[in-house]
Amino acid sequence: MDKCPGSGNIRTPIPSLKKCPRCGEEVEIWSDELKVKCIGCGDVVFEENTPSCIEWCQCARECVGEEKYNRLIKAKSG
């Protein structure tokens, strides 16, 4: 199966920096993560909740892999 270009940042994650809303510490969050713990204060920093192909594409499980698919679906559902 050819891989969808829209899932590239999920299959091969890239980092970005976000500021903790509680203490202002910069935390690194990867494109395949929905939340991380702040190293400064221990609060949880969330990635913006943008729609992802894993939510609607019937090939997502095969495209990104079973383990990553299950982890992301579980994290999105709560």
PDB file of N, CA and C in Angstrom:
ATOM      1  N   MET A   1       0.834  -1.179   0.000  1.00  0.00           N
ATOM      2  CA  MET A   1       0.000   0.000   0.000  1.00  0.00           C
ATOM      3  C   MET A   1       0.880   1.244   0.000  1.00  0.00           C
ATOM      4  N   ASP A   2       0.558   2.206  -0.849  1.00  0.00           N
ATOM      5  CA  ASP A   2       1.258   3.486  -0.840  1.00  0.00           C
ATOM      6  C   ASP A   2       0.827   4.257   0.390  1.00  0.00           C
ATOM      7  N   LYS A   3       1.750   5.012   0.940  1.00  0.00           N
ATOM      8  CA  LYS A   3       1.466   5.794   2.137  1.00  0.00           C
ATOM      9  C   LYS A   3       0.881   7.146   1.743  1.00  0.00           C
ATOM     10  N   CYS A   4      -0.098   7.592   2.478  1.00  0.00           N
ATOM     11  CA  CYS A   4      -0.739   8.886   2.248  1.00  0.00           C
ATOM     12  C   CYS A   4       0.207  10.003   2.680  1.00  0.00           C
ATOM     13  N   PRO A   5       0.382  11.037   1.869  1.00  0.00           N
ATOM     14  CA  PRO A   5       1.256  12.137   2.272  1.00  0.00           C
ATOM     15  C   PRO A   5       0.705  12.899   3.475  1.00  0.00           C
ATOM     16  N   GLY A   6      -0.583  12.816   3.732  1.00  0.00           N
ATOM     17  CA  GLY A   6      -1.184  13.499   4.871  1.00  0.00           C
ATOM     18  C   GLY A   6      -0.822  12.887   6.210  1.00  0.00           C
ATOM     19  N   SER A   7      -0.340  11.655   6.201  1.00  0.00           N
ATOM     20  CA  SER A   7       0.016  10.990   7.458  1.00  0.00           C
ATOM     21  C   SER A   7       1.516  11.036   7.728  1.00  0.00           C
ATOM     22  N   GLY A   8       2.254  11.766   6.939  1.00  0.00           N
ATOM     23  CA  GLY A   8       3.707  11.818   7.074  1.00  0.00           C
ATOM     24  C   GLY A   8       4.190  12.241   8.450  1.00  0.00           C
ATOM     25  N   ASN A   9       3.551  13.251   9.046  1.00  0.00           N
ATOM     26  CA  ASN A   9       3.965  13.727  10.364  1.00  0.00           C
ATOM     27  C   ASN A   9       3.554  12.776  11.479  1.00  0.00           C
ATOM     28  N   ILE A  10       2.698  11.832  11.178  1.00  0.00           N
ATOM     29  CA  ILE A  10       2.342  10.805  12.156  1.00  0.00           C
ATOM     30  C   ILE A  10       3.300   9.626  12.032  1.00  0.00           C
ATOM     31  N   ARG A  11       3.556   9.204  10.794  1.00  0.00           N
ATOM     32  CA  ARG A  11       4.463   8.075  10.574  1.00  0.00           C
ATOM     33  C   ARG A  11       5.903   8.424  10.913  1.00  0.00           C
ATOM     34  N   THR A  12       6.333   9.641  10.553  1.00  0.00           N
ATOM     35  CA  THR A  12       7.679  10.129  10.852  1.00  0.00           C
ATOM     36  C   THR A  12       7.527  11.435  11.616  1.00  0.00           C
ATOM     37  N   PRO A  13       7.389  11.358  12.930  1.00  0.00           N
ATOM     38  CA  PRO A  13       7.096  12.536  13.738  1.00  0.00           C
ATOM     39  C   PRO A  13       8.186  13.601  13.689  1.00  0.00           C
ATOM     40  N   ILE A  14       7.737  14.847  13.816  1.00  0.00           N
ATOM     41  CA  ILE A  14       8.647  15.978  13.909  1.00  0.00           C
ATOM     42  C   ILE A  14       8.336  16.742  15.204  1.00  0.00           C
ATOM     43  N   PRO A  15       9.360  17.320  15.832  1.00  0.00           N
ATOM     44  CA  PRO A  15       9.131  18.030  17.090  1.00  0.00           C
ATOM     45  C   PRO A  15       8.734  19.490  16.871  1.00  0.00           C
ATOM     46  N   SER A  16       8.034  20.034  17.848  1.00  0.00           N
ATOM     47  CA  SER A  16       7.780  21.468  17.889  1.00  0.00           C
ATOM     48  C   SER A  16       7.817  21.893  19.354  1.00  0.00           C
ATOM     49  N   LEU A  17       7.977  23.170  19.578  1.00  0.00           N
ATOM     50  CA  LEU A  17       8.024  23.695  20.948  1.00  0.00           C
ATOM     51  C   LEU A  17       6.727  24.423  21.251  1.00  0.00           C
ATOM     52  N   LYS A  18       6.202  24.181  22.440  1.00  0.00           N
ATOM     53  CA  LYS A  18       5.004  24.870  22.920  1.00  0.00           C
ATOM     54  C   LYS A  18       5.312  25.408  24.302  1.00  0.00           C
ATOM     55  N   LYS A  19       4.687  26.523  24.639  1.00  0.00           N
ATOM     56  CA  LYS A  19       4.844  27.079  25.980  1.00  0.00           C
ATOM     57  C   LYS A  19       3.783  26.498  26.896  1.00  0.00           C
ATOM     58  N   CYS A  20       4.224  26.125  28.071  1.00  0.00           N
ATOM     59  CA  CYS A  20       3.293  25.646  29.086  1.00  0.00           C
ATOM     60  C   CYS A  20       2.410  26.825  29.507  1.00  0.00           C
ATOM     61  N   PRO A  21       1.091  26.650  29.464  1.00  0.00           N
ATOM     62  CA  PRO A  21       0.218  27.760  29.851  1.00  0.00           C
ATOM     63  C   PRO A  21       0.283  28.085  31.343  1.00  0.00           C
ATOM     64  N   ARG A  22       0.786  27.170  32.125  1.00  0.00           N
ATOM     65  CA  ARG A  22       0.853  27.381  33.580  1.00  0.00           C
ATOM     66  C   ARG A  22       2.125  28.131  34.003  1.00  0.00           C
ATOM     67  N   CYS A  23       3.302  27.663  33.522  1.00  0.00           N
ATOM     68  CA  CYS A  23       4.559  28.250  34.004  1.00  0.00           C
ATOM     69  C   CYS A  23       5.384  28.939  32.913  1.00  0.00           C
ATOM     70  N   GLY A  24       5.008  28.768  31.646  1.00  0.00           N
ATOM     71  CA  GLY A  24       5.730  29.416  30.556  1.00  0.00           C
ATOM     72  C   GLY A  24       6.939  28.658  30.052  1.00  0.00           C
ATOM     73  N   GLU A  25       7.269  27.524  30.665  1.00  0.00           N
ATOM     74  CA  GLU A  25       8.395  26.688  30.222  1.00  0.00           C
ATOM     75  C   GLU A  25       8.117  26.172  28.805  1.00  0.00           C
ATOM     76  N   GLU A  26       9.149  26.142  27.960  1.00  0.00           N
ATOM     77  CA  GLU A  26       8.988  25.547  26.636  1.00  0.00           C
ATOM     78  C   GLU A  26       9.094  24.041  26.753  1.00  0.00           C
ATOM     79  N   VAL A  27       8.146  23.336  26.153  1.00  0.00           N
ATOM     80  CA  VAL A  27       8.166  21.876  26.158  1.00  0.00           C
ATOM     81  C   VAL A  27       8.160  21.383  24.716  1.00  0.00           C
ATOM     82  N   GLU A  28       8.812  20.272  24.518  1.00  0.00           N
ATOM     83  CA  GLU A  28       8.871  19.669  23.189  1.00  0.00           C
ATOM     84  C   GLU A  28       7.716  18.686  23.056  1.00  0.00           C
ATOM     85  N   ILE A  29       6.957  18.836  21.975  1.00  0.00           N
ATOM     86  CA  ILE A  29       5.868  17.910  21.685  1.00  0.00           C
ATOM     87  C   ILE A  29       6.030  17.453  20.241  1.00  0.00           C
ATOM     88  N   TRP A  30       5.899  16.157  20.036  1.00  0.00           N
ATOM     89  CA  TRP A  30       6.087  15.583  18.705  1.00  0.00           C
ATOM     90  C   TRP A  30       4.754  15.531  17.976  1.00  0.00           C
ATOM     91  N   SER A  31       4.807  15.539  16.653  1.00  0.00           N
ATOM     92  CA  SER A  31       3.595  15.600  15.837  1.00  0.00           C
ATOM     93  C   SER A  31       2.708  14.359  15.978  1.00  0.00           C
ATOM     94  N   ASP A  32       3.205  13.304  16.604  1.00  0.00           N
ATOM     95  CA  ASP A  32       2.361  12.126  16.834  1.00  0.00           C
ATOM     96  C   ASP A  32       1.914  12.033  18.296  1.00  0.00           C
ATOM     97  N   GLU A  33       2.065  13.122  19.046  1.00  0.00           N
ATOM     98  CA  GLU A  33       1.632  13.174  20.445  1.00  0.00           C
ATOM     99  C   GLU A  33       0.502  14.186  20.581  1.00  0.00           C
ATOM    100  N   LEU A  34      -0.383  13.941  21.518  1.00  0.00           N
ATOM    101  CA  LEU A  34      -1.469  14.873  21.768  1.00  0.00           C
ATOM    102  C   LEU A  34      -1.262  15.658  23.054  1.00  0.00           C
ATOM    103  N   LYS A  35      -0.388  15.139  23.933  1.00  0.00           N
ATOM    104  CA  LYS A  35      -0.105  15.838  25.181  1.00  0.00           C
ATOM    105  C   LYS A  35       1.242  15.395  25.725  1.00  0.00           C
ATOM    106  N   VAL A  36       1.871  16.282  26.500  1.00  0.00           N
ATOM    107  CA  VAL A  36       3.132  15.976  27.177  1.00  0.00           C
ATOM    108  C   VAL A  36       3.106  16.624  28.550  1.00  0.00           C
ATOM    109  N   LYS A  37       3.936  16.116  29.439  1.00  0.00           N
ATOM    110  CA  LYS A  37       4.044  16.668  30.780  1.00  0.00           C
ATOM    111  C   LYS A  37       5.130  17.734  30.773  1.00  0.00           C
ATOM    112  N   CYS A  38       4.826  18.896  31.340  1.00  0.00           N
ATOM    113  CA  CYS A  38       5.785  19.992  31.414  1.00  0.00           C
ATOM    114  C   CYS A  38       6.906  19.623  32.381  1.00  0.00           C
ATOM    115  N   ILE A  39       8.145  19.828  31.952  1.00  0.00           N
ATOM    116  CA  ILE A  39       9.281  19.514  32.817  1.00  0.00           C
ATOM    117  C   ILE A  39       9.473  20.579  33.892  1.00  0.00           C
ATOM    118  N   GLY A  40       8.842  21.748  33.707  1.00  0.00           N
ATOM    119  CA  GLY A  40       8.980  22.818  34.680  1.00  0.00           C
ATOM    120  C   GLY A  40       8.050  22.671  35.880  1.00  0.00           C
ATOM    121  N   CYS A  41       6.763  22.409  35.599  1.00  0.00           N
ATOM    122  CA  CYS A  41       5.778  22.389  36.681  1.00  0.00           C
ATOM    123  C   CYS A  41       4.991  21.091  36.787  1.00  0.00           C
ATOM    124  N   GLY A  42       5.136  20.211  35.803  1.00  0.00           N
ATOM    125  CA  GLY A  42       4.428  18.938  35.848  1.00  0.00           C
ATOM    126  C   GLY A  42       3.024  18.983  35.270  1.00  0.00           C
ATOM    127  N   ASP A  43       2.565  20.163  34.842  1.00  0.00           N
ATOM    128  CA  ASP A  43       1.248  20.287  34.237  1.00  0.00           C
ATOM    129  C   ASP A  43       1.254  19.607  32.864  1.00  0.00           C
ATOM    130  N   VAL A  44       0.083  19.264  32.365  1.00  0.00           N
ATOM    131  CA  VAL A  44      -0.028  18.634  31.052  1.00  0.00           C
ATOM    132  C   VAL A  44      -0.231  19.718  30.000  1.00  0.00           C
ATOM    133  N   VAL A  45       0.571  19.670  28.945  1.00  0.00           N
ATOM    134  CA  VAL A  45       0.475  20.597  27.823  1.00  0.00           C
ATOM    135  C   VAL A  45      -0.119  19.817  26.663  1.00  0.00           C
ATOM    136  N   PHE A  46      -1.202  20.343  26.096  1.00  0.00           N
ATOM    137  CA  PHE A  46      -1.911  19.662  25.014  1.00  0.00           C
ATOM    138  C   PHE A  46      -1.558  20.263  23.658  1.00  0.00           C
ATOM    139  N   GLU A  47      -1.487  19.398  22.662  1.00  0.00           N
ATOM    140  CA  GLU A  47      -1.349  19.850  21.279  1.00  0.00           C
ATOM    141  C   GLU A  47      -2.715  20.372  20.845  1.00  0.00           C
ATOM    142  N   GLU A  48      -2.724  21.294  19.911  1.00  0.00           N
ATOM    143  CA  GLU A  48      -3.996  21.787  19.393  1.00  0.00           C
ATOM    144  C   GLU A  48      -4.780  20.615  18.834  1.00  0.00           C
ATOM    145  N   ASN A  49      -6.058  20.592  19.081  1.00  0.00           N
ATOM    146  CA  ASN A  49      -6.897  19.483  18.637  1.00  0.00           C
ATOM    147  C   ASN A  49      -7.334  19.700  17.193  1.00  0.00           C
ATOM    148  N   THR A  50      -6.425  19.386  16.270  1.00  0.00           N
ATOM    149  CA  THR A  50      -6.732  19.519  14.856  1.00  0.00           C
ATOM    150  C   THR A  50      -7.182  18.172  14.310  1.00  0.00           C
ATOM    151  N   PRO A  51      -8.123  18.175  13.380  1.00  0.00           N
ATOM    152  CA  PRO A  51      -8.572  16.898  12.804  1.00  0.00           C
ATOM    153  C   PRO A  51      -7.413  16.148  12.162  1.00  0.00           C
ATOM    154  N   SER A  52      -7.459  14.860  12.264  1.00  0.00           N
ATOM    155  CA  SER A  52      -6.406  14.011  11.729  1.00  0.00           C
ATOM    156  C   SER A  52      -7.025  12.930  10.865  1.00  0.00           C
ATOM    157  N   CYS A  53      -6.280  12.472   9.885  1.00  0.00           N
ATOM    158  CA  CYS A  53      -6.781  11.427   8.992  1.00  0.00           C
ATOM    159  C   CYS A  53      -7.101  10.141   9.746  1.00  0.00           C
ATOM    160  N   ILE A  54      -6.504   9.955  10.916  1.00  0.00           N
ATOM    161  CA  ILE A  54      -6.793   8.724  11.660  1.00  0.00           C
ATOM    162  C   ILE A  54      -8.250   8.672  12.110  1.00  0.00           C
ATOM    163  N   GLU A  55      -8.907   9.821  12.151  1.00  0.00           N
ATOM    164  CA  GLU A  55     -10.297   9.882  12.585  1.00  0.00           C
ATOM    165  C   GLU A  55     -11.290   9.533  11.483  1.00  0.00           C
ATOM    166  N   TRP A  56     -10.912   9.681  10.226  1.00  0.00           N
ATOM    167  CA  TRP A  56     -11.883   9.461   9.158  1.00  0.00           C
ATOM    168  C   TRP A  56     -11.431   8.529   8.045  1.00  0.00           C
ATOM    169  N   CYS A  57     -10.152   8.315   7.881  1.00  0.00           N
ATOM    170  CA  CYS A  57      -9.676   7.501   6.761  1.00  0.00           C
ATOM    171  C   CYS A  57      -9.755   6.014   7.095  1.00  0.00           C
ATOM    172  N   GLN A  58     -10.397   5.253   6.241  1.00  0.00           N
ATOM    173  CA  GLN A  58     -10.537   3.818   6.485  1.00  0.00           C
ATOM    174  C   GLN A  58      -9.224   3.057   6.341  1.00  0.00           C
ATOM    175  N   CYS A  59      -8.201   3.683   5.784  1.00  0.00           N
ATOM    176  CA  CYS A  59      -6.889   3.046   5.636  1.00  0.00           C
ATOM    177  C   CYS A  59      -5.902   3.471   6.718  1.00  0.00           C
ATOM    178  N   ALA A  60      -6.331   4.314   7.651  1.00  0.00           N
ATOM    179  CA  ALA A  60      -5.422   4.894   8.642  1.00  0.00           C
ATOM    180  C   ALA A  60      -4.697   3.846   9.472  1.00  0.00           C
ATOM    181  N   ARG A  61      -5.392   2.841   9.913  1.00  0.00           N
ATOM    182  CA  ARG A  61      -4.780   1.809  10.764  1.00  0.00           C
ATOM    183  C   ARG A  61      -3.606   1.149  10.036  1.00  0.00           C
ATOM    184  N   GLU A  62      -3.809   0.822   8.790  1.00  0.00           N
ATOM    185  CA  GLU A  62      -2.747   0.187   7.993  1.00  0.00           C
ATOM    186  C   GLU A  62      -1.637   1.192   7.653  1.00  0.00           C
ATOM    187  N   CYS A  63      -2.017   2.428   7.411  1.00  0.00           N
ATOM    188  CA  CYS A  63      -1.064   3.444   6.976  1.00  0.00           C
ATOM    189  C   CYS A  63      -0.078   3.834   8.082  1.00  0.00           C
ATOM    190  N   VAL A  64      -0.581   4.109   9.290  1.00  0.00           N
ATOM    191  CA  VAL A  64       0.303   4.576  10.355  1.00  0.00           C
ATOM    192  C   VAL A  64       0.770   3.453  11.273  1.00  0.00           C
ATOM    193  N   GLY A  65       0.149   2.295  11.173  1.00  0.00           N
ATOM    194  CA  GLY A  65       0.522   1.158  12.008  1.00  0.00           C
ATOM    195  C   GLY A  65      -0.441   0.975  13.162  1.00  0.00           C
ATOM    196  N   GLU A  66      -0.666  -0.264  13.510  1.00  0.00           N
ATOM    197  CA  GLU A  66      -1.646  -0.637  14.527  1.00  0.00           C
ATOM    198  C   GLU A  66      -1.392   0.032  15.882  1.00  0.00           C
ATOM    199  N   GLU A  67      -0.161  -0.047  16.366  1.00  0.00           N
ATOM    200  CA  GLU A  67       0.160   0.488  17.696  1.00  0.00           C
ATOM    201  C   GLU A  67      -0.058   2.000  17.767  1.00  0.00           C
ATOM    202  N   LYS A  68       0.473   2.726  16.788  1.00  0.00           N
ATOM    203  CA  LYS A  68       0.335   4.182  16.784  1.00  0.00           C
ATOM    204  C   LYS A  68      -1.127   4.582  16.583  1.00  0.00           C
ATOM    205  N   TYR A  69      -1.826   3.886  15.710  1.00  0.00           N
ATOM    206  CA  TYR A  69      -3.242   4.166  15.475  1.00  0.00           C
ATOM    207  C   TYR A  69      -4.036   4.018  16.770  1.00  0.00           C
ATOM    208  N   ASN A  70      -3.857   2.900  17.467  1.00  0.00           N
ATOM    209  CA  ASN A  70      -4.596   2.651  18.707  1.00  0.00           C
ATOM    210  C   ASN A  70      -4.263   3.693  19.777  1.00  0.00           C
ATOM    211  N   ARG A  71      -2.991   4.069  19.891  1.00  0.00           N
ATOM    212  CA  ARG A  71      -2.580   5.072  20.881  1.00  0.00           C
ATOM    213  C   ARG A  71      -3.232   6.421  20.596  1.00  0.00           C
ATOM    214  N   LEU A  72      -3.238   6.831  19.336  1.00  0.00           N
ATOM    215  CA  LEU A  72      -3.807   8.132  18.975  1.00  0.00           C
ATOM    216  C   LEU A  72      -5.325   8.150  19.111  1.00  0.00           C
ATOM    217  N   ILE A  73      -5.990   7.075  18.721  1.00  0.00           N
ATOM    218  CA  ILE A  73      -7.453   7.012  18.859  1.00  0.00           C
ATOM    219  C   ILE A  73      -7.828   7.052  20.342  1.00  0.00           C
ATOM    220  N   LYS A  74      -7.098   6.331  21.164  1.00  0.00           N
ATOM    221  CA  LYS A  74      -7.376   6.319  22.597  1.00  0.00           C
ATOM    222  C   LYS A  74      -7.172   7.719  23.196  1.00  0.00           C
ATOM    223  N   ALA A  75      -6.099   8.394  22.810  1.00  0.00           N
ATOM    224  CA  ALA A  75      -5.807   9.727  23.336  1.00  0.00           C
ATOM    225  C   ALA A  75      -6.854  10.743  22.884  1.00  0.00           C
ATOM    226  N   LYS A  76      -7.338  10.620  21.662  1.00  0.00           N
ATOM    227  CA  LYS A  76      -8.345  11.568  21.148  1.00  0.00           C
ATOM    228  C   LYS A  76      -9.695  11.363  21.821  1.00  0.00           C
ATOM    229  N   SER A  77      -9.976  10.128  22.223  1.00  0.00           N
ATOM    230  CA  SER A  77     -11.283   9.862  22.825  1.00  0.00           C
ATOM    231  C   SER A  77     -11.329  10.167  24.310  1.00  0.00           C
ATOM    232  N   GLY A  78     -10.238  10.571  24.861  1.00  0.00           N
ATOM    233  CA  GLY A  78     -10.304  10.992  26.243  1.00  0.00           C
ATOM    234  C   GLY A  78      -9.266  10.445  27.109  1.00  0.00           C
TER     235      GLY A  78
END
